[in-house]
Amino acid sequence: MHEKRLANLLGAASLALSDLMLTQVREAGRVSASGAAALAVLAYTPGLSVTELGRRIGLSQPATARMVDSLETSGLVQRGQKEGRTVSVELTTAGRSTVREVRATRETQMSSLLTDFDSDDRATLERLLEVLLVRLYDDVGNSDLLCRLCDRSCCTDGAACPVGQAERDQRR
């Protein structure tokens, strides 16, 4: 296989996967892709400040503040008490429910793409994705941003998350 063809196939597959996943996530959560990411991050790390939440999902502070306003209007998050210039953000009951819907939709969508793979193919793909994610971490340098829509519990059930491990290795 030619290197250019492999890179082209990877690019096409990456874009198609991203488009499919983000469309499903937006529809399931009835929020923007960044809103869904914010809800997923808050489910894993409640009480983040607006600024820190933005850093973890790749938005500026003003854009994050507008997004939090929208999520708050939709009843999915609530702001906590102001401490100095910092305001924490928490999920509401509706927000936690939306996160569950988004995660389930994402898992179903991605799993459905694997139905034609046998167990050996799945094991190979898992190994290759772990290597690819470590390489992507080297470029992105931010595990929170890279894993912003992840269900972190499934990546650490019986194994180490490759992105988290890459981050720990880099800190050494």
C-alpha atoms as a PDB file:
ATOM      1  CA  MET A   1       0.000   0.000   0.000  1.00  0.00           C
ATOM      2  CA  HIS A   2       1.305   3.435  -0.846  1.00  0.00           C
ATOM      3  CA  GLU A   3       1.933   5.847   2.012  1.00  0.00           C
ATOM      4  CA  LYS A   4      -0.062   8.605   0.284  1.00  0.00           C
ATOM      5  CA  ARG A   5      -3.054   6.295  -0.151  1.00  0.00           C
ATOM      6  CA  LEU A   6      -2.918   5.200   3.483  1.00  0.00           C
ATOM      7  CA  ALA A   7      -2.790   8.827   4.648  1.00  0.00           C
ATOM      8  CA  ASN A   8      -5.670   9.694   2.330  1.00  0.00           C
ATOM      9  CA  LEU A   9      -7.782   6.771   3.604  1.00  0.00           C
ATOM     10  CA  LEU A  10      -7.038   7.764   7.194  1.00  0.00           C
ATOM     11  CA  GLY A  11      -8.042  11.358   6.472  1.00  0.00           C
ATOM     12  CA  ALA A  12     -11.301  10.356   4.787  1.00  0.00           C
ATOM     13  CA  ALA A  13     -12.191   7.905   7.565  1.00  0.00           C
ATOM     14  CA  SER A  14     -11.328  10.438  10.287  1.00  0.00           C
ATOM     15  CA  LEU A  15     -13.480  13.126   8.750  1.00  0.00           C
ATOM     16  CA  ALA A  16     -16.413  10.776   8.170  1.00  0.00           C
ATOM     17  CA  LEU A  17     -16.195   9.409  11.722  1.00  0.00           C
ATOM     18  CA  SER A  18     -16.051  12.915  13.144  1.00  0.00           C
ATOM     19  CA  ASP A  19     -19.005  14.084  11.066  1.00  0.00           C
ATOM     20  CA  LEU A  20     -21.116  11.049  12.005  1.00  0.00           C
ATOM     21  CA  MET A  21     -20.268  11.217  15.687  1.00  0.00           C
ATOM     22  CA  LEU A  22     -20.754  14.958  16.069  1.00  0.00           C
ATOM     23  CA  THR A  23     -24.066  14.901  14.210  1.00  0.00           C
ATOM     24  CA  GLN A  24     -25.351  12.103  16.456  1.00  0.00           C
ATOM     25  CA  VAL A  25     -24.021  13.780  19.612  1.00  0.00           C
ATOM     26  CA  ARG A  26     -25.636  17.126  18.734  1.00  0.00           C
ATOM     27  CA  GLU A  27     -28.961  15.444  18.006  1.00  0.00           C
ATOM     28  CA  ALA A  28     -28.881  13.275  21.138  1.00  0.00           C
ATOM     29  CA  GLY A  29     -27.956  16.154  23.425  1.00  0.00           C
ATOM     30  CA  ARG A  30     -29.926  18.818  21.585  1.00  0.00           C
ATOM     31  CA  VAL A  31     -26.873  21.030  22.088  1.00  0.00           C
ATOM     32  CA  SER A  32     -23.850  22.090  20.042  1.00  0.00           C
ATOM     33  CA  ALA A  33     -20.832  19.824  19.807  1.00  0.00           C
ATOM     34  CA  SER A  34     -18.963  22.089  22.240  1.00  0.00           C
ATOM     35  CA  GLY A  35     -22.000  22.047  24.544  1.00  0.00           C
ATOM     36  CA  ALA A  36     -22.004  18.244  24.505  1.00  0.00           C
ATOM     37  CA  ALA A  37     -18.269  18.256  25.235  1.00  0.00           C
ATOM     38  CA  ALA A  38     -18.802  20.671  28.128  1.00  0.00           C
ATOM     39  CA  LEU A  39     -21.481  18.422  29.605  1.00  0.00           C
ATOM     40  CA  ALA A  40     -19.242  15.359  29.258  1.00  0.00           C
ATOM     41  CA  VAL A  41     -16.313  17.167  30.908  1.00  0.00           C
ATOM     42  CA  LEU A  42     -18.505  18.421  33.756  1.00  0.00           C
ATOM     43  CA  ALA A  43     -19.797  14.882  34.333  1.00  0.00           C
ATOM     44  CA  TYR A  44     -16.219  13.759  34.864  1.00  0.00           C
ATOM     45  CA  THR A  45     -14.988  16.882  36.677  1.00  0.00           C
ATOM     46  CA  PRO A  46     -17.854  18.809  38.298  1.00  0.00           C
ATOM     47  CA  GLY A  47     -17.443  22.344  39.568  1.00  0.00           C
ATOM     48  CA  LEU A  48     -14.944  23.618  37.022  1.00  0.00           C
ATOM     49  CA  SER A  49     -14.676  27.341  36.485  1.00  0.00           C
ATOM     50  CA  VAL A  50     -15.927  28.738  33.189  1.00  0.00           C
ATOM     51  CA  THR A  51     -12.321  29.485  32.176  1.00  0.00           C
ATOM     52  CA  GLU A  52     -11.073  25.983  33.014  1.00  0.00           C
ATOM     53  CA  LEU A  53     -14.048  24.394  31.266  1.00  0.00           C
ATOM     54  CA  GLY A  54     -13.196  26.379  28.138  1.00  0.00           C
ATOM     55  CA  ARG A  55      -9.585  25.270  28.291  1.00  0.00           C
ATOM     56  CA  ARG A  56     -10.661  21.645  28.479  1.00  0.00           C
ATOM     57  CA  ILE A  57     -12.973  21.849  25.473  1.00  0.00           C
ATOM     58  CA  GLY A  58     -10.902  24.227  23.359  1.00  0.00           C
ATOM     59  CA  LEU A  59     -12.939  27.429  23.581  1.00  0.00           C
ATOM     60  CA  SER A  60     -11.979  30.945  24.601  1.00  0.00           C
ATOM     61  CA  GLN A  61     -13.336  32.277  27.896  1.00  0.00           C
ATOM     62  CA  PRO A  62     -15.926  34.570  26.215  1.00  0.00           C
ATOM     63  CA  ALA A  63     -17.127  31.741  23.929  1.00  0.00           C
ATOM     64  CA  THR A  64     -17.345  29.398  26.907  1.00  0.00           C
ATOM     65  CA  ALA A  65     -19.313  31.968  28.918  1.00  0.00           C
ATOM     66  CA  ARG A  66     -21.839  32.275  26.061  1.00  0.00           C
ATOM     67  CA  MET A  67     -22.075  28.494  25.771  1.00  0.00           C
ATOM     68  CA  VAL A  68     -22.600  28.145  29.544  1.00  0.00           C
ATOM     69  CA  ASP A  69     -25.328  30.808  29.309  1.00  0.00           C
ATOM     70  CA  SER A  70     -27.055  28.713  26.659  1.00  0.00           C
ATOM     71  CA  LEU A  71     -26.674  25.479  28.638  1.00  0.00           C
ATOM     72  CA  GLU A  72     -27.988  27.231  31.739  1.00  0.00           C
ATOM     73  CA  THR A  73     -31.003  28.591  29.825  1.00  0.00           C
ATOM     74  CA  SER A  74     -31.675  25.023  28.641  1.00  0.00           C
ATOM     75  CA  GLY A  75     -31.578  23.810  32.245  1.00  0.00           C
ATOM     76  CA  LEU A  76     -28.556  21.571  31.735  1.00  0.00           C
ATOM     77  CA  VAL A  77     -26.056  23.377  33.978  1.00  0.00           C
ATOM     78  CA  GLN A  78     -26.121  25.841  36.819  1.00  0.00           C
ATOM     79  CA  ARG A  79     -23.536  28.296  37.977  1.00  0.00           C
ATOM     80  CA  GLY A  80     -22.329  28.072  41.529  1.00  0.00           C
ATOM     81  CA  GLN A  81     -21.480  30.856  43.923  1.00  0.00           C
ATOM     82  CA  LYS A  82     -18.955  33.385  42.742  1.00  0.00           C
ATOM     83  CA  GLU A  83     -15.618  33.121  44.526  1.00  0.00           C
ATOM     84  CA  GLY A  84     -13.640  36.223  43.621  1.00  0.00           C
ATOM     85  CA  ARG A  85     -13.658  36.282  39.838  1.00  0.00           C
ATOM     86  CA  THR A  86     -14.291  32.540  39.553  1.00  0.00           C
ATOM     87  CA  VAL A  87     -17.693  30.926  39.045  1.00  0.00           C
ATOM     88  CA  SER A  88     -18.054  27.151  39.101  1.00  0.00           C
ATOM     89  CA  VAL A  89     -20.369  25.243  36.770  1.00  0.00           C
ATOM     90  CA  GLU A  90     -22.296  22.102  37.734  1.00  0.00           C
ATOM     91  CA  LEU A  91     -24.587  19.756  35.837  1.00  0.00           C
ATOM     92  CA  THR A  92     -28.264  19.721  36.720  1.00  0.00           C
ATOM     93  CA  THR A  93     -30.278  16.503  36.812  1.00  0.00           C
ATOM     94  CA  ALA A  94     -31.306  17.210  33.207  1.00  0.00           C
ATOM     95  CA  GLY A  95     -27.645  17.784  32.329  1.00  0.00           C
ATOM     96  CA  ARG A  96     -26.617  14.418  33.791  1.00  0.00           C
ATOM     97  CA  SER A  97     -29.414  12.749  31.826  1.00  0.00           C
ATOM     98  CA  THR A  98     -28.247  14.473  28.643  1.00  0.00           C
ATOM     99  CA  VAL A  99     -24.687  13.263  29.223  1.00  0.00           C
ATOM    100  CA  ARG A 100     -25.967   9.688  29.521  1.00  0.00           C
ATOM    101  CA  GLU A 101     -27.894  10.103  26.235  1.00  0.00           C
ATOM    102  CA  VAL A 102     -24.885  11.592  24.463  1.00  0.00           C
ATOM    103  CA  ARG A 103     -22.560   8.829  25.682  1.00  0.00           C
ATOM    104  CA  ALA A 104     -25.014   6.079  24.759  1.00  0.00           C
ATOM    105  CA  THR A 105     -25.544   7.570  21.297  1.00  0.00           C
ATOM    106  CA  ARG A 106     -21.810   7.936  20.719  1.00  0.00           C
ATOM    107  CA  GLU A 107     -21.161   4.355  21.835  1.00  0.00           C
ATOM    108  CA  THR A 108     -23.965   2.974  19.674  1.00  0.00           C
ATOM    109  CA  GLN A 109     -22.820   4.949  16.626  1.00  0.00           C
ATOM    110  CA  MET A 110     -19.189   3.944  16.939  1.00  0.00           C
ATOM    111  CA  SER A 111     -19.987   0.309  17.839  1.00  0.00           C
ATOM    112  CA  SER A 112     -22.251  -0.056  14.821  1.00  0.00           C
ATOM    113  CA  LEU A 113     -19.275   0.706  12.606  1.00  0.00           C
ATOM    114  CA  LEU A 114     -17.415  -2.292  14.020  1.00  0.00           C
ATOM    115  CA  THR A 115     -20.022  -4.957  13.221  1.00  0.00           C
ATOM    116  CA  ASP A 116     -18.084  -6.251  10.196  1.00  0.00           C
ATOM    117  CA  PHE A 117     -14.881  -6.685  12.220  1.00  0.00           C
ATOM    118  CA  ASP A 118     -14.103 -10.066  13.783  1.00  0.00           C
ATOM    119  CA  SER A 119     -12.445 -10.280  17.204  1.00  0.00           C
ATOM    120  CA  ASP A 120      -8.918 -10.346  15.745  1.00  0.00           C
ATOM    121  CA  ASP A 121      -9.653  -7.263  13.630  1.00  0.00           C
ATOM    122  CA  ARG A 122     -11.068  -5.493  16.686  1.00  0.00           C
ATOM    123  CA  ALA A 123      -8.005  -6.337  18.784  1.00  0.00           C
ATOM    124  CA  THR A 124      -5.708  -5.076  16.010  1.00  0.00           C
ATOM    125  CA  LEU A 125      -7.739  -1.901  15.590  1.00  0.00           C
ATOM    126  CA  GLU A 126      -7.694  -1.285  19.352  1.00  0.00           C
ATOM    127  CA  ARG A 127      -3.909  -1.628  19.427  1.00  0.00           C
ATOM    128  CA  LEU A 128      -3.483   0.667  16.414  1.00  0.00           C
ATOM    129  CA  LEU A 129      -5.831   3.280  17.871  1.00  0.00           C
ATOM    130  CA  GLU A 130      -3.877   3.255  21.131  1.00  0.00           C
ATOM    131  CA  VAL A 131      -0.671   3.979  19.180  1.00  0.00           C
ATOM    132  CA  LEU A 132      -2.423   6.659  17.115  1.00  0.00           C
ATOM    133  CA  LEU A 133      -3.877   8.340  20.214  1.00  0.00           C
ATOM    134  CA  VAL A 134      -0.460   8.507  21.864  1.00  0.00           C
ATOM    135  CA  ARG A 135       0.881  10.149  18.698  1.00  0.00           C
ATOM    136  CA  LEU A 136      -2.070  12.555  18.652  1.00  0.00           C
ATOM    137  CA  TYR A 137      -1.393  13.423  22.287  1.00  0.00           C
ATOM    138  CA  ASP A 138       2.155  14.373  21.278  1.00  0.00           C
ATOM    139  CA  ASP A 139       0.657  16.894  18.816  1.00  0.00           C
ATOM    140  CA  VAL A 140      -2.294  18.122  20.908  1.00  0.00           C
ATOM    141  CA  GLY A 141      -0.544  18.025  24.297  1.00  0.00           C
ATOM    142  CA  ASN A 142      -3.802  18.164  26.241  1.00  0.00           C
ATOM    143  CA  SER A 143      -5.566  14.999  27.373  1.00  0.00           C
ATOM    144  CA  ASP A 144      -8.655  16.938  28.458  1.00  0.00           C
ATOM    145  CA  LEU A 145      -9.071  18.403  24.996  1.00  0.00           C
ATOM    146  CA  LEU A 146      -8.322  15.151  23.196  1.00  0.00           C
ATOM    147  CA  CYS A 147     -10.757  13.151  25.357  1.00  0.00           C
ATOM    148  CA  ARG A 148     -13.447  15.812  25.764  1.00  0.00           C
ATOM    149  CA  LEU A 149     -16.271  13.538  24.563  1.00  0.00           C
ATOM    150  CA  CYS A 150     -14.897  10.308  26.022  1.00  0.00           C
ATOM    151  CA  ASP A 151     -16.606   8.091  28.526  1.00  0.00           C
ATOM    152  CA  ARG A 152     -13.462   7.909  30.608  1.00  0.00           C
ATOM    153  CA  SER A 153     -14.620   4.984  32.722  1.00  0.00           C
ATOM    154  CA  CYS A 154     -14.692   2.580  29.755  1.00  0.00           C
ATOM    155  CA  CYS A 155     -11.107   3.437  28.756  1.00  0.00           C
ATOM    156  CA  THR A 156      -9.767   2.612  32.201  1.00  0.00           C
ATOM    157  CA  ASP A 157     -11.774  -0.557  32.871  1.00  0.00           C
ATOM    158  CA  GLY A 158      -9.054  -3.191  33.042  1.00  0.00           C
ATOM    159  CA  ALA A 159      -6.503  -1.124  31.116  1.00  0.00           C
ATOM    160  CA  ALA A 160      -4.740   2.213  31.185  1.00  0.00           C
ATOM    161  CA  CYS A 161      -6.095   4.959  28.945  1.00  0.00           C
ATOM    162  CA  PRO A 162      -3.428   5.491  26.283  1.00  0.00           C
ATOM    163  CA  VAL A 163      -3.915   9.259  26.337  1.00  0.00           C
ATOM    164  CA  GLY A 164      -3.729   9.451  30.126  1.00  0.00           C
ATOM    165  CA  GLN A 165      -0.632   7.250  30.087  1.00  0.00           C
ATOM    166  CA  ALA A 166       0.994   9.435  27.427  1.00  0.00           C
ATOM    167  CA  GLU A 167       0.350  12.468  29.612  1.00  0.00           C
ATOM    168  CA  ARG A 168       1.822  10.770  32.685  1.00  0.00           C
ATOM    169  CA  ASP A 169       4.863   9.658  30.676  1.00  0.00           C
ATOM    170  CA  GLN A 170       5.431  13.183  29.381  1.00  0.00           C
ATOM    171  CA  ARG A 171       5.380  14.622  32.919  1.00  0.00           C
ATOM    172  CA  ARG A 172       8.232  12.321  34.009  1.00  0.00           C
END
